[in-house]
Amino acid sequence: MAHYPSTPVGPYTEAIQQVQCEWEGQRRSFISKILLDNDGAIAGGHEIWGFPKKFAFVHMGRDGDAITAILERPRGQRLLR
């Protein structure tokens, strides 16, 4: 998960599901989905660069020294905490 406070399309938070694999004898990373909370970032990433971006409720915060994160899609259906 990552939070981007300042971008050309405004602030957003995203969660990336990435799978480590091997292809033709080389270690690779495959991004199966990117869930985020900003329509502009979805449009740019999906339509221009072809990333598998979808809208979701994504929140990062702090609890003392710990970083907390919540991912819901649709809102109210928790996928990650």
N, C-alpha and C. Protein backbone atom coordinates (compact mmCIF):
# COMPACT_ATOMS: atom_id res chain seq x y z
N MET A 1 0.85 -1.17 0.00
CA MET A 1 0.00 0.00 0.00
C MET A 1 0.89 1.23 0.00
N ALA A 2 0.38 2.27 -0.63
CA ALA A 2 1.14 3.51 -0.71
C ALA A 2 0.18 4.69 -0.77
N HIS A 3 0.60 5.81 -0.20
CA HIS A 3 -0.18 7.04 -0.25
C HIS A 3 0.63 8.08 -1.01
N TYR A 4 -0.01 8.71 -2.00
CA TYR A 4 0.62 9.76 -2.79
C TYR A 4 -0.11 11.07 -2.49
N PRO A 5 0.47 11.94 -1.64
CA PRO A 5 -0.24 13.14 -1.20
C PRO A 5 -0.34 14.24 -2.26
N SER A 6 0.56 14.22 -3.26
CA SER A 6 0.56 15.29 -4.24
C SER A 6 0.88 14.71 -5.62
N THR A 7 -0.12 14.68 -6.51
CA THR A 7 0.07 14.22 -7.88
C THR A 7 -0.71 15.15 -8.81
N PRO A 8 -0.48 15.09 -10.12
CA PRO A 8 -1.24 15.94 -11.05
C PRO A 8 -2.75 15.68 -11.01
N VAL A 9 -3.18 14.48 -10.56
CA VAL A 9 -4.62 14.17 -10.48
C VAL A 9 -5.16 14.26 -9.06
N GLY A 10 -4.36 14.77 -8.14
CA GLY A 10 -4.77 14.90 -6.75
C GLY A 10 -4.23 13.76 -5.90
N PRO A 11 -4.42 13.84 -4.59
CA PRO A 11 -3.90 12.81 -3.70
C PRO A 11 -4.67 11.50 -3.85
N TYR A 12 -3.98 10.40 -3.63
CA TYR A 12 -4.66 9.10 -3.62
C TYR A 12 -3.83 8.06 -2.86
N THR A 13 -4.53 7.00 -2.49
CA THR A 13 -3.92 5.86 -1.80
C THR A 13 -4.24 4.63 -2.61
N GLU A 14 -3.25 3.73 -2.75
CA GLU A 14 -3.48 2.53 -3.54
C GLU A 14 -2.90 1.30 -2.87
N ALA A 15 -3.46 0.17 -3.23
CA ALA A 15 -2.97 -1.13 -2.79
C ALA A 15 -2.65 -1.93 -4.04
N ILE A 16 -1.46 -2.52 -4.08
CA ILE A 16 -1.02 -3.28 -5.24
C ILE A 16 -0.86 -4.74 -4.86
N GLN A 17 -1.49 -5.63 -5.64
CA GLN A 17 -1.29 -7.07 -5.46
C GLN A 17 -0.28 -7.51 -6.50
N GLN A 18 0.88 -7.96 -6.01
CA GLN A 18 1.99 -8.33 -6.88
C GLN A 18 2.39 -9.76 -6.58
N VAL A 19 2.60 -10.55 -7.62
CA VAL A 19 2.97 -11.95 -7.47
C VAL A 19 4.38 -12.14 -8.00
N GLN A 20 5.23 -12.75 -7.20
CA GLN A 20 6.58 -13.08 -7.65
C GLN A 20 6.51 -14.39 -8.43
N CYS A 21 7.15 -14.44 -9.59
CA CYS A 21 7.09 -15.64 -10.42
C CYS A 21 8.39 -15.81 -11.20
N GLU A 22 8.43 -16.85 -11.98
CA GLU A 22 9.57 -17.09 -12.86
C GLU A 22 9.04 -17.26 -14.27
N TRP A 23 9.68 -16.59 -15.23
CA TRP A 23 9.28 -16.67 -16.62
C TRP A 23 10.54 -16.78 -17.48
N GLU A 24 10.60 -17.81 -18.30
CA GLU A 24 11.76 -18.09 -19.15
C GLU A 24 13.05 -18.08 -18.34
N GLY A 25 12.99 -18.70 -17.16
CA GLY A 25 14.17 -18.84 -16.31
C GLY A 25 14.57 -17.59 -15.54
N GLN A 26 13.80 -16.52 -15.62
CA GLN A 26 14.13 -15.28 -14.92
C GLN A 26 13.04 -14.93 -13.91
N ARG A 27 13.45 -14.45 -12.74
CA ARG A 27 12.49 -14.01 -11.73
C ARG A 27 11.83 -12.73 -12.18
N ARG A 28 10.51 -12.70 -12.04
CA ARG A 28 9.72 -11.55 -12.47
C ARG A 28 8.69 -11.20 -11.39
N SER A 29 8.09 -10.04 -11.55
CA SER A 29 6.97 -9.62 -10.72
C SER A 29 5.78 -9.37 -11.65
N PHE A 30 4.63 -9.93 -11.28
CA PHE A 30 3.41 -9.74 -12.06
C PHE A 30 2.42 -9.00 -11.19
N ILE A 31 1.92 -7.87 -11.66
CA ILE A 31 0.92 -7.10 -10.92
C ILE A 31 -0.45 -7.54 -11.39
N SER A 32 -1.19 -8.21 -10.50
CA SER A 32 -2.50 -8.73 -10.90
C SER A 32 -3.61 -7.69 -10.73
N LYS A 33 -3.48 -6.78 -9.78
CA LYS A 33 -4.46 -5.70 -9.64
C LYS A 33 -3.90 -4.57 -8.80
N ILE A 34 -4.44 -3.39 -9.07
CA ILE A 34 -4.12 -2.19 -8.30
C ILE A 34 -5.46 -1.57 -7.92
N LEU A 35 -5.70 -1.44 -6.63
CA LEU A 35 -6.96 -0.87 -6.13
C LEU A 35 -6.65 0.50 -5.53
N LEU A 36 -7.40 1.53 -5.94
CA LEU A 36 -7.12 2.87 -5.44
C LEU A 36 -8.38 3.72 -5.41
N ASP A 37 -8.24 4.92 -4.83
CA ASP A 37 -9.39 5.75 -4.51
C ASP A 37 -9.44 7.09 -5.26
N ASN A 38 -8.96 7.12 -6.50
CA ASN A 38 -8.95 8.37 -7.26
C ASN A 38 -9.24 8.06 -8.73
N ASP A 39 -10.37 8.58 -9.24
CA ASP A 39 -10.77 8.29 -10.62
C ASP A 39 -9.73 8.74 -11.65
N GLY A 40 -9.11 9.90 -11.43
CA GLY A 40 -8.11 10.39 -12.36
C GLY A 40 -6.90 9.49 -12.44
N ALA A 41 -6.44 8.99 -11.30
CA ALA A 41 -5.29 8.08 -11.27
C ALA A 41 -5.65 6.74 -11.91
N ILE A 42 -6.90 6.31 -11.74
CA ILE A 42 -7.35 5.07 -12.39
C ILE A 42 -7.34 5.26 -13.91
N ALA A 43 -7.92 6.35 -14.38
CA ALA A 43 -7.99 6.59 -15.82
C ALA A 43 -6.59 6.67 -16.45
N GLY A 44 -5.70 7.42 -15.83
CA GLY A 44 -4.34 7.54 -16.36
C GLY A 44 -3.61 6.21 -16.36
N GLY A 45 -3.66 5.51 -15.25
CA GLY A 45 -2.93 4.25 -15.14
C GLY A 45 -3.52 3.14 -15.99
N HIS A 46 -4.85 3.11 -16.09
CA HIS A 46 -5.52 2.03 -16.84
C HIS A 46 -5.57 2.32 -18.34
N GLU A 47 -6.06 3.48 -18.70
CA GLU A 47 -6.28 3.79 -20.12
C GLU A 47 -5.00 4.14 -20.87
N ILE A 48 -4.07 4.81 -20.21
CA ILE A 48 -2.84 5.21 -20.90
C ILE A 48 -1.76 4.13 -20.83
N TRP A 49 -1.52 3.58 -19.62
CA TRP A 49 -0.42 2.63 -19.45
C TRP A 49 -0.87 1.17 -19.34
N GLY A 50 -2.17 0.92 -19.27
CA GLY A 50 -2.66 -0.46 -19.25
C GLY A 50 -2.55 -1.19 -17.94
N PHE A 51 -2.35 -0.48 -16.83
CA PHE A 51 -2.28 -1.15 -15.52
C PHE A 51 -3.68 -1.60 -15.09
N PRO A 52 -3.77 -2.72 -14.38
CA PRO A 52 -5.07 -3.26 -13.95
C PRO A 52 -5.64 -2.52 -12.74
N LYS A 53 -6.03 -1.26 -12.92
CA LYS A 53 -6.50 -0.42 -11.81
C LYS A 53 -8.02 -0.47 -11.70
N LYS A 54 -8.50 -0.53 -10.45
CA LYS A 54 -9.93 -0.53 -10.13
C LYS A 54 -10.16 0.36 -8.92
N PHE A 55 -11.38 0.92 -8.82
CA PHE A 55 -11.72 1.79 -7.70
C PHE A 55 -12.01 0.98 -6.44
N ALA A 56 -11.54 1.47 -5.29
CA ALA A 56 -11.78 0.84 -3.99
C ALA A 56 -11.64 1.90 -2.90
N PHE A 57 -12.09 1.56 -1.69
CA PHE A 57 -11.86 2.41 -0.52
C PHE A 57 -10.53 1.96 0.08
N VAL A 58 -9.57 2.87 0.09
CA VAL A 58 -8.23 2.56 0.60
C VAL A 58 -7.86 3.64 1.61
N HIS A 59 -7.47 3.22 2.80
CA HIS A 59 -7.12 4.18 3.85
C HIS A 59 -5.86 3.73 4.58
N MET A 60 -4.92 4.65 4.76
CA MET A 60 -3.73 4.40 5.57
C MET A 60 -3.72 5.43 6.70
N GLY A 61 -3.27 4.99 7.87
CA GLY A 61 -3.19 5.88 9.02
C GLY A 61 -2.12 5.41 9.99
N ARG A 62 -2.11 6.01 11.17
CA ARG A 62 -1.14 5.65 12.21
C ARG A 62 -1.88 5.33 13.50
N ASP A 63 -1.34 4.39 14.22
CA ASP A 63 -1.80 4.04 15.56
C ASP A 63 -0.56 3.96 16.42
N GLY A 64 -0.17 5.10 17.00
CA GLY A 64 1.09 5.17 17.72
C GLY A 64 2.24 5.03 16.75
N ASP A 65 3.10 4.03 16.96
CA ASP A 65 4.23 3.79 16.07
C ASP A 65 3.87 2.88 14.89
N ALA A 66 2.67 2.33 14.88
CA ALA A 66 2.26 1.40 13.83
C ALA A 66 1.54 2.13 12.69
N ILE A 67 1.74 1.65 11.48
CA ILE A 67 1.00 2.13 10.33
C ILE A 67 -0.16 1.17 10.12
N THR A 68 -1.36 1.73 9.94
CA THR A 68 -2.54 0.90 9.72
C THR A 68 -3.04 1.10 8.29
N ALA A 69 -3.72 0.09 7.76
CA ALA A 69 -4.26 0.17 6.41
C ALA A 69 -5.56 -0.61 6.33
N ILE A 70 -6.50 -0.08 5.57
CA ILE A 70 -7.78 -0.75 5.32
C ILE A 70 -8.04 -0.70 3.82
N LEU A 71 -8.49 -1.82 3.26
CA LEU A 71 -8.86 -1.91 1.85
C LEU A 71 -10.23 -2.55 1.77
N GLU A 72 -11.19 -1.85 1.14
CA GLU A 72 -12.55 -2.36 0.97
C GLU A 72 -12.98 -2.20 -0.48
N ARG A 73 -13.62 -3.24 -1.02
CA ARG A 73 -14.20 -3.18 -2.37
C ARG A 73 -15.29 -4.21 -2.49
N PRO A 74 -16.55 -3.75 -2.59
CA PRO A 74 -17.02 -2.38 -2.46
C PRO A 74 -16.90 -1.91 -1.01
N ARG A 75 -17.16 -0.63 -0.78
CA ARG A 75 -17.05 -0.09 0.57
C ARG A 75 -17.92 -0.90 1.52
N GLY A 76 -17.33 -1.29 2.65
CA GLY A 76 -18.03 -2.13 3.62
C GLY A 76 -17.65 -3.60 3.49
N GLN A 77 -17.06 -3.99 2.36
CA GLN A 77 -16.60 -5.37 2.17
C GLN A 77 -15.08 -5.38 2.31
N ARG A 78 -14.62 -5.63 3.53
CA ARG A 78 -13.19 -5.53 3.84
C ARG A 78 -12.39 -6.65 3.18
N LEU A 79 -11.33 -6.26 2.47
CA LEU A 79 -10.43 -7.21 1.85
C LEU A 79 -9.11 -7.31 2.59
N LEU A 80 -8.72 -6.24 3.29
CA LEU A 80 -7.42 -6.20 3.95
C LEU A 80 -7.47 -5.25 5.11
N ARG A 81 -6.81 -5.63 6.19
CA ARG A 81 -6.61 -4.72 7.32
C ARG A 81 -5.25 -4.99 7.89
